[in-house]
Amino acid sequence: MRENFEERVREMERRYSARVNNLRNDLQLRLKSEVSETEERKNAQIGNQYSQAYFDHNDSLCYSFLKSKSRGSTRRRSTT
């Protein structure tokens, strides 16, 4: 009877250790995928911020250029 009990205990330990290993592997895989997704979102956000800053800078340069051109043309017209 004792031997039967010990055999059942060993079998349960084997099953649960295999189950724990599977769960651990699943968690590690999930962690890697979540880290990868987070890095992708971060990089996309940085890229969007860079693009927006670039376009804002270009818009302000164009505005400044057009503003200076319009001032110059009105000055030229008034002196002529």
PDB file of N, CA and C in Angstrom:
ATOM      1  N   MET A   1       0.812  -1.181   0.000  1.00  0.00           N
ATOM      2  CA  MET A   1       0.000   0.000   0.000  1.00  0.00           C
ATOM      3  C   MET A   1       0.868   1.261   0.000  1.00  0.00           C
ATOM      4  N   ARG A   2       1.878   1.275   0.818  1.00  0.00           N
ATOM      5  CA  ARG A   2       2.787   2.417   0.879  1.00  0.00           C
ATOM      6  C   ARG A   2       3.487   2.627  -0.462  1.00  0.00           C
ATOM      7  N   GLU A   3       3.896   1.532  -1.086  1.00  0.00           N
ATOM      8  CA  GLU A   3       4.575   1.624  -2.376  1.00  0.00           C
ATOM      9  C   GLU A   3       3.640   2.200  -3.444  1.00  0.00           C
ATOM     10  N   ASN A   4       2.405   1.790  -3.401  1.00  0.00           N
ATOM     11  CA  ASN A   4       1.413   2.313  -4.326  1.00  0.00           C
ATOM     12  C   ASN A   4       1.248   3.825  -4.124  1.00  0.00           C
ATOM     13  N   PHE A   5       1.187   4.228  -2.891  1.00  0.00           N
ATOM     14  CA  PHE A   5       1.057   5.657  -2.569  1.00  0.00           C
ATOM     15  C   PHE A   5       2.279   6.436  -3.062  1.00  0.00           C
ATOM     16  N   GLU A   6       3.462   5.927  -2.806  1.00  0.00           N
ATOM     17  CA  GLU A   6       4.682   6.604  -3.240  1.00  0.00           C
ATOM     18  C   GLU A   6       4.761   6.694  -4.766  1.00  0.00           C
ATOM     19  N   GLU A   7       4.325   5.652  -5.448  1.00  0.00           N
ATOM     20  CA  GLU A   7       4.309   5.677  -6.913  1.00  0.00           C
ATOM     21  C   GLU A   7       3.353   6.742  -7.426  1.00  0.00           C
ATOM     22  N   ARG A   8       2.198   6.878  -6.814  1.00  0.00           N
ATOM     23  CA  ARG A   8       1.233   7.907  -7.197  1.00  0.00           C
ATOM     24  C   ARG A   8       1.802   9.303  -6.943  1.00  0.00           C
ATOM     25  N   VAL A   9       2.521   9.458  -5.837  1.00  0.00           N
ATOM     26  CA  VAL A   9       3.132  10.749  -5.524  1.00  0.00           C
ATOM     27  C   VAL A   9       4.168  11.115  -6.582  1.00  0.00           C
ATOM     28  N   ARG A  10       5.014  10.161  -6.950  1.00  0.00           N
ATOM     29  CA  ARG A  10       6.031  10.413  -7.973  1.00  0.00           C
ATOM     30  C   ARG A  10       5.378  10.767  -9.318  1.00  0.00           C
ATOM     31  N   GLU A  11       4.312  10.064  -9.664  1.00  0.00           N
ATOM     32  CA  GLU A  11       3.602  10.345 -10.912  1.00  0.00           C
ATOM     33  C   GLU A  11       3.009  11.754 -10.885  1.00  0.00           C
ATOM     34  N   MET A  12       2.433  12.142  -9.783  1.00  0.00           N
ATOM     35  CA  MET A  12       1.869  13.486  -9.650  1.00  0.00           C
ATOM     36  C   MET A  12       2.974  14.538  -9.745  1.00  0.00           C
ATOM     37  N   GLU A  13       4.104  14.286  -9.103  1.00  0.00           N
ATOM     38  CA  GLU A  13       5.224  15.224  -9.173  1.00  0.00           C
ATOM     39  C   GLU A  13       5.711  15.377 -10.608  1.00  0.00           C
ATOM     40  N   ARG A  14       5.788  14.286 -11.358  1.00  0.00           N
ATOM     41  CA  ARG A  14       6.210  14.354 -12.757  1.00  0.00           C
ATOM     42  C   ARG A  14       5.222  15.181 -13.580  1.00  0.00           C
ATOM     43  N   ARG A  15       3.934  14.915 -13.395  1.00  0.00           N
ATOM     44  CA  ARG A  15       2.921  15.648 -14.157  1.00  0.00           C
ATOM     45  C   ARG A  15       2.958  17.142 -13.841  1.00  0.00           C
ATOM     46  N   TYR A  16       3.033  17.462 -12.562  1.00  0.00           N
ATOM     47  CA  TYR A  16       3.008  18.870 -12.189  1.00  0.00           C
ATOM     48  C   TYR A  16       4.303  19.593 -12.538  1.00  0.00           C
ATOM     49  N   SER A  17       5.423  18.900 -12.484  1.00  0.00           N
ATOM     50  CA  SER A  17       6.659  19.560 -12.903  1.00  0.00           C
ATOM     51  C   SER A  17       6.630  19.818 -14.413  1.00  0.00           C
ATOM     52  N   ALA A  18       6.078  18.889 -15.189  1.00  0.00           N
ATOM     53  CA  ALA A  18       5.934  19.113 -16.629  1.00  0.00           C
ATOM     54  C   ALA A  18       4.973  20.270 -16.880  1.00  0.00           C
ATOM     55  N   ARG A  19       3.896  20.314 -16.114  1.00  0.00           N
ATOM     56  CA  ARG A  19       2.925  21.406 -16.269  1.00  0.00           C
ATOM     57  C   ARG A  19       3.548  22.754 -15.923  1.00  0.00           C
ATOM     58  N   VAL A  20       4.324  22.800 -14.854  1.00  0.00           N
ATOM     59  CA  VAL A  20       4.991  24.044 -14.457  1.00  0.00           C
ATOM     60  C   VAL A  20       5.984  24.473 -15.531  1.00  0.00           C
ATOM     61  N   ASN A  21       6.724  23.529 -16.093  1.00  0.00           N
ATOM     62  CA  ASN A  21       7.670  23.863 -17.161  1.00  0.00           C
ATOM     63  C   ASN A  21       6.946  24.422 -18.379  1.00  0.00           C
ATOM     64  N   ASN A  22       5.812  23.827 -18.754  1.00  0.00           N
ATOM     65  CA  ASN A  22       5.037  24.340 -19.879  1.00  0.00           C
ATOM     66  C   ASN A  22       4.529  25.752 -19.602  1.00  0.00           C
ATOM     67  N   LEU A  23       4.029  25.969 -18.405  1.00  0.00           N
ATOM     68  CA  LEU A  23       3.551  27.305 -18.041  1.00  0.00           C
ATOM     69  C   LEU A  23       4.685  28.325 -18.044  1.00  0.00           C
ATOM     70  N   ARG A  24       5.841  27.928 -17.551  1.00  0.00           N
ATOM     71  CA  ARG A  24       6.992  28.817 -17.529  1.00  0.00           C
ATOM     72  C   ARG A  24       7.414  29.186 -18.959  1.00  0.00           C
ATOM     73  N   ASN A  25       7.437  28.198 -19.843  1.00  0.00           N
ATOM     74  CA  ASN A  25       7.787  28.462 -21.246  1.00  0.00           C
ATOM     75  C   ASN A  25       6.770  29.385 -21.900  1.00  0.00           C
ATOM     76  N   ASP A  26       5.485  29.161 -21.625  1.00  0.00           N
ATOM     77  CA  ASP A  26       4.445  30.031 -22.175  1.00  0.00           C
ATOM     78  C   ASP A  26       4.599  31.459 -21.681  1.00  0.00           C
ATOM     79  N   LEU A  27       4.891  31.609 -20.403  1.00  0.00           N
ATOM     80  CA  LEU A  27       5.072  32.954 -19.845  1.00  0.00           C
ATOM     81  C   LEU A  27       6.288  33.652 -20.445  1.00  0.00           C
ATOM     82  N   GLN A  28       7.364  32.918 -20.651  1.00  0.00           N
ATOM     83  CA  GLN A  28       8.552  33.515 -21.258  1.00  0.00           C
ATOM     84  C   GLN A  28       8.260  33.961 -22.693  1.00  0.00           C
ATOM     85  N   LEU A  29       7.522  33.155 -23.434  1.00  0.00           N
ATOM     86  CA  LEU A  29       7.148  33.513 -24.792  1.00  0.00           C
ATOM     87  C   LEU A  29       6.239  34.742 -24.796  1.00  0.00           C
ATOM     88  N   ARG A  30       5.291  34.784 -23.875  1.00  0.00           N
ATOM     89  CA  ARG A  30       4.391  35.928 -23.777  1.00  0.00           C
ATOM     90  C   ARG A  30       5.165  37.190 -23.407  1.00  0.00           C
ATOM     91  N   LEU A  31       6.127  37.061 -22.506  1.00  0.00           N
ATOM     92  CA  LEU A  31       6.945  38.204 -22.113  1.00  0.00           C
ATOM     93  C   LEU A  31       7.725  38.747 -23.307  1.00  0.00           C
ATOM     94  N   LYS A  32       8.331  37.853 -24.078  1.00  0.00           N
ATOM     95  CA  LYS A  32       9.095  38.287 -25.251  1.00  0.00           C
ATOM     96  C   LYS A  32       8.202  39.000 -26.258  1.00  0.00           C
ATOM     97  N   SER A  33       7.009  38.463 -26.484  1.00  0.00           N
ATOM     98  CA  SER A  33       6.117  39.095 -27.468  1.00  0.00           C
ATOM     99  C   SER A  33       5.617  40.440 -26.958  1.00  0.00           C
ATOM    100  N   GLU A  34       5.327  40.556 -25.658  1.00  0.00           N
ATOM    101  CA  GLU A  34       4.874  41.829 -25.108  1.00  0.00           C
ATOM    102  C   GLU A  34       5.979  42.877 -25.158  1.00  0.00           C
ATOM    103  N   VAL A  35       7.200  42.474 -24.881  1.00  0.00           N
ATOM    104  CA  VAL A  35       8.327  43.403 -24.962  1.00  0.00           C
ATOM    105  C   VAL A  35       8.504  43.870 -26.401  1.00  0.00           C
ATOM    106  N   SER A  36       8.387  42.933 -27.336  1.00  0.00           N
ATOM    107  CA  SER A  36       8.529  43.282 -28.743  1.00  0.00           C
ATOM    108  C   SER A  36       7.423  44.247 -29.176  1.00  0.00           C
ATOM    109  N   GLU A  37       6.191  43.992 -28.781  1.00  0.00           N
ATOM    110  CA  GLU A  37       5.082  44.879 -29.130  1.00  0.00           C
ATOM    111  C   GLU A  37       5.266  46.259 -28.517  1.00  0.00           C
ATOM    112  N   THR A  38       5.734  46.302 -27.279  1.00  0.00           N
ATOM    113  CA  THR A  38       5.952  47.584 -26.613  1.00  0.00           C
ATOM    114  C   THR A  38       7.043  48.376 -27.325  1.00  0.00           C
ATOM    115  N   GLU A  39       8.119  47.706 -27.723  1.00  0.00           N
ATOM    116  CA  GLU A  39       9.190  48.387 -28.452  1.00  0.00           C
ATOM    117  C   GLU A  39       8.685  48.907 -29.798  1.00  0.00           C
ATOM    118  N   GLU A  40       7.852  48.123 -30.476  1.00  0.00           N
ATOM    119  CA  GLU A  40       7.307  48.568 -31.754  1.00  0.00           C
ATOM    120  C   GLU A  40       6.433  49.803 -31.578  1.00  0.00           C
ATOM    121  N   ARG A  41       5.577  49.804 -30.545  1.00  0.00           N
ATOM    122  CA  ARG A  41       4.735  50.976 -30.288  1.00  0.00           C
ATOM    123  C   ARG A  41       5.582  52.191 -29.939  1.00  0.00           C
ATOM    124  N   LYS A  42       6.616  51.980 -29.135  1.00  0.00           N
ATOM    125  CA  LYS A  42       7.500  53.079 -28.754  1.00  0.00           C
ATOM    126  C   LYS A  42       8.196  53.652 -29.980  1.00  0.00           C
ATOM    127  N   ASN A  43       8.743  52.775 -30.821  1.00  0.00           N
ATOM    128  CA  ASN A  43       9.437  53.233 -32.020  1.00  0.00           C
ATOM    129  C   ASN A  43       8.486  53.943 -32.977  1.00  0.00           C
ATOM    130  N   ALA A  44       7.258  53.440 -33.083  1.00  0.00           N
ATOM    131  CA  ALA A  44       6.273  54.099 -33.950  1.00  0.00           C
ATOM    132  C   ALA A  44       5.929  55.476 -33.410  1.00  0.00           C
ATOM    133  N   GLN A  45       5.801  55.575 -32.099  1.00  0.00           N
ATOM    134  CA  GLN A  45       5.470  56.862 -31.496  1.00  0.00           C
ATOM    135  C   GLN A  45       6.616  57.851 -31.678  1.00  0.00           C
ATOM    136  N   ILE A  46       7.838  57.382 -31.511  1.00  0.00           N
ATOM    137  CA  ILE A  46       8.996  58.252 -31.714  1.00  0.00           C
ATOM    138  C   ILE A  46       9.051  58.683 -33.173  1.00  0.00           C
ATOM    139  N   GLY A  47       8.797  57.759 -34.090  1.00  0.00           N
ATOM    140  CA  GLY A  47       8.795  58.088 -35.505  1.00  0.00           C
ATOM    141  C   GLY A  47       7.724  59.107 -35.846  1.00  0.00           C
ATOM    142  N   ASN A  48       6.534  58.948 -35.259  1.00  0.00           N
ATOM    143  CA  ASN A  48       5.458  59.906 -35.514  1.00  0.00           C
ATOM    144  C   ASN A  48       5.803  61.282 -34.959  1.00  0.00           C
ATOM    145  N   GLN A  49       6.403  61.321 -33.782  1.00  0.00           N
ATOM    146  CA  GLN A  49       6.783  62.604 -33.189  1.00  0.00           C
ATOM    147  C   GLN A  49       7.865  63.269 -34.032  1.00  0.00           C
ATOM    148  N   TYR A  50       8.813  62.482 -34.520  1.00  0.00           N
ATOM    149  CA  TYR A  50       9.870  63.028 -35.365  1.00  0.00           C
ATOM    150  C   TYR A  50       9.274  63.576 -36.653  1.00  0.00           C
ATOM    151  N   SER A  51       8.383  62.803 -37.273  1.00  0.00           N
ATOM    152  CA  SER A  51       7.759  63.249 -38.518  1.00  0.00           C
ATOM    153  C   SER A  51       6.974  64.530 -38.297  1.00  0.00           C
ATOM    154  N   GLN A  52       6.219  64.573 -37.198  1.00  0.00           N
ATOM    155  CA  GLN A  52       5.424  65.765 -36.922  1.00  0.00           C
ATOM    156  C   GLN A  52       6.327  66.967 -36.685  1.00  0.00           C
ATOM    157  N   ALA A  53       7.407  66.778 -35.947  1.00  0.00           N
ATOM    158  CA  ALA A  53       8.335  67.881 -35.703  1.00  0.00           C
ATOM    159  C   ALA A  53       8.981  68.327 -37.012  1.00  0.00           C
ATOM    160  N   TYR A  54       9.316  67.392 -37.867  1.00  0.00           N
ATOM    161  CA  TYR A  54       9.922  67.716 -39.157  1.00  0.00           C
ATOM    162  C   TYR A  54       8.952  68.534 -40.010  1.00  0.00           C
ATOM    163  N   PHE A  55       7.701  68.085 -40.084  1.00  0.00           N
ATOM    164  CA  PHE A  55       6.717  68.817 -40.887  1.00  0.00           C
ATOM    165  C   PHE A  55       6.413  70.174 -40.274  1.00  0.00           C
ATOM    166  N   ASP A  56       6.336  70.258 -38.953  1.00  0.00           N
ATOM    167  CA  ASP A  56       6.102  71.548 -38.304  1.00  0.00           C
ATOM    168  C   ASP A  56       7.249  72.509 -38.611  1.00  0.00           C
ATOM    169  N   HIS A  57       8.467  71.989 -38.566  1.00  0.00           N
ATOM    170  CA  HIS A  57       9.634  72.810 -38.855  1.00  0.00           C
ATOM    171  C   HIS A  57       9.586  73.302 -40.298  1.00  0.00           C
ATOM    172  N   ASN A  58       9.278  72.396 -41.228  1.00  0.00           N
ATOM    173  CA  ASN A  58       9.188  72.793 -42.635  1.00  0.00           C
ATOM    174  C   ASN A  58       8.072  73.807 -42.857  1.00  0.00           C
ATOM    175  N   ASP A  59       6.935  73.617 -42.190  1.00  0.00           N
ATOM    176  CA  ASP A  59       5.839  74.575 -42.319  1.00  0.00           C
ATOM    177  C   ASP A  59       6.257  75.952 -41.829  1.00  0.00           C
ATOM    178  N   SER A  60       6.958  75.981 -40.692  1.00  0.00           N
ATOM    179  CA  SER A  60       7.383  77.281 -40.167  1.00  0.00           C
ATOM    180  C   SER A  60       8.423  77.919 -41.083  1.00  0.00           C
ATOM    181  N   LEU A  61       9.304  77.108 -41.688  1.00  0.00           N
ATOM    182  CA  LEU A  61      10.277  77.658 -42.635  1.00  0.00           C
ATOM    183  C   LEU A  61       9.581  78.224 -43.872  1.00  0.00           C
ATOM    184  N   CYS A  62       8.600  77.485 -44.370  1.00  0.00           N
ATOM    185  CA  CYS A  62       7.856  77.961 -45.545  1.00  0.00           C
ATOM    186  C   CYS A  62       7.104  79.243 -45.203  1.00  0.00           C
ATOM    187  N   TYR A  63       6.499  79.276 -44.028  1.00  0.00           N
ATOM    188  CA  TYR A  63       5.769  80.469 -43.611  1.00  0.00           C
ATOM    189  C   TYR A  63       6.726  81.656 -43.498  1.00  0.00           C
ATOM    190  N   SER A  64       7.881  81.430 -42.889  1.00  0.00           N
ATOM    191  CA  SER A  64       8.856  82.506 -42.752  1.00  0.00           C
ATOM    192  C   SER A  64       9.351  82.971 -44.117  1.00  0.00           C
ATOM    193  N   PHE A  65       9.590  82.038 -45.010  1.00  0.00           N
ATOM    194  CA  PHE A  65      10.056  82.368 -46.350  1.00  0.00           C
ATOM    195  C   PHE A  65       9.000  83.186 -47.092  1.00  0.00           C
ATOM    196  N   LEU A  66       7.763  82.722 -47.041  1.00  0.00           N
ATOM    197  CA  LEU A  66       6.691  83.435 -47.730  1.00  0.00           C
ATOM    198  C   LEU A  66       6.458  84.807 -47.112  1.00  0.00           C
ATOM    199  N   LYS A  67       6.567  84.870 -45.809  1.00  0.00           N
ATOM    200  CA  LYS A  67       6.372  86.146 -45.116  1.00  0.00           C
ATOM    201  C   LYS A  67       7.468  87.127 -45.514  1.00  0.00           C
ATOM    202  N   SER A  68       8.707  86.647 -45.578  1.00  0.00           N
ATOM    203  CA  SER A  68       9.808  87.536 -45.958  1.00  0.00           C
ATOM    204  C   SER A  68       9.679  87.948 -47.421  1.00  0.00           C
ATOM    205  N   LYS A  69       9.207  87.045 -48.271  1.00  0.00           N
ATOM    206  CA  LYS A  69       9.015  87.375 -49.684  1.00  0.00           C
ATOM    207  C   LYS A  69       7.912  88.412 -49.851  1.00  0.00           C
ATOM    208  N   SER A  70       6.851  88.269 -49.094  1.00  0.00           N
ATOM    209  CA  SER A  70       5.748  89.220 -49.235  1.00  0.00           C
ATOM    210  C   SER A  70       6.161  90.595 -48.710  1.00  0.00           C
ATOM    211  N   ARG A  71       6.952  90.632 -47.667  1.00  0.00           N
ATOM    212  CA  ARG A  71       7.453  91.926 -47.174  1.00  0.00           C
ATOM    213  C   ARG A  71       8.369  92.575 -48.197  1.00  0.00           C
ATOM    214  N   GLY A  72       9.233  91.760 -48.778  1.00  0.00           N
ATOM    215  CA  GLY A  72      10.174  92.279 -49.765  1.00  0.00           C
ATOM    216  C   GLY A  72       9.461  92.787 -51.007  1.00  0.00           C
ATOM    217  N   SER A  73       8.427  92.092 -51.436  1.00  0.00           N
ATOM    218  CA  SER A  73       7.734  92.524 -52.650  1.00  0.00           C
ATOM    219  C   SER A  73       6.938  93.792 -52.391  1.00  0.00           C
ATOM    220  N   THR A  74       6.372  93.945 -51.187  1.00  0.00           N
ATOM    221  CA  THR A  74       5.632  95.185 -50.909  1.00  0.00           C
ATOM    222  C   THR A  74       6.581  96.335 -50.748  1.00  0.00           C
ATOM    223  N   ARG A  75       7.741  96.074 -50.207  1.00  0.00           N
ATOM    224  CA  ARG A  75       8.736  97.162 -50.090  1.00  0.00           C
ATOM    225  C   ARG A  75       9.202  97.603 -51.463  1.00  0.00           C
ATOM    226  N   ARG A  76       9.398  96.633 -52.323  1.00  0.00           N
ATOM    227  CA  ARG A  76       9.840  96.969 -53.669  1.00  0.00           C
ATOM    228  C   ARG A  76       8.771  97.768 -54.420  1.00  0.00           C
ATOM    229  N   ARG A  77       7.536  97.363 -54.245  1.00  0.00           N
ATOM    230  CA  ARG A  77       6.451  98.056 -54.929  1.00  0.00           C
ATOM    231  C   ARG A  77       6.292  99.491 -54.419  1.00  0.00           C
ATOM    232  N   SER A  78       6.466  99.639 -53.107  1.00  0.00           N
ATOM    233  CA  SER A  78       6.260 100.990 -52.555  1.00  0.00           C
ATOM    234  C   SER A  78       7.395 101.914 -52.934  1.00  0.00           C
ATOM    235  N   THR A  79       8.580 101.387 -53.162  1.00  0.00           N
ATOM    236  CA  THR A  79       9.711 102.263 -53.532  1.00  0.00           C
ATOM    237  C   THR A  79       9.704 102.589 -55.015  1.00  0.00           C
ATOM    238  N   THR A  80       8.977 101.854 -55.798  1.00  0.00           N
ATOM    239  CA  THR A  80       8.986 102.073 -57.242  1.00  0.00           C
ATOM    240  C   THR A  80       8.000 103.102 -57.680  1.00  0.00           C
TER     241      THR A  80
END
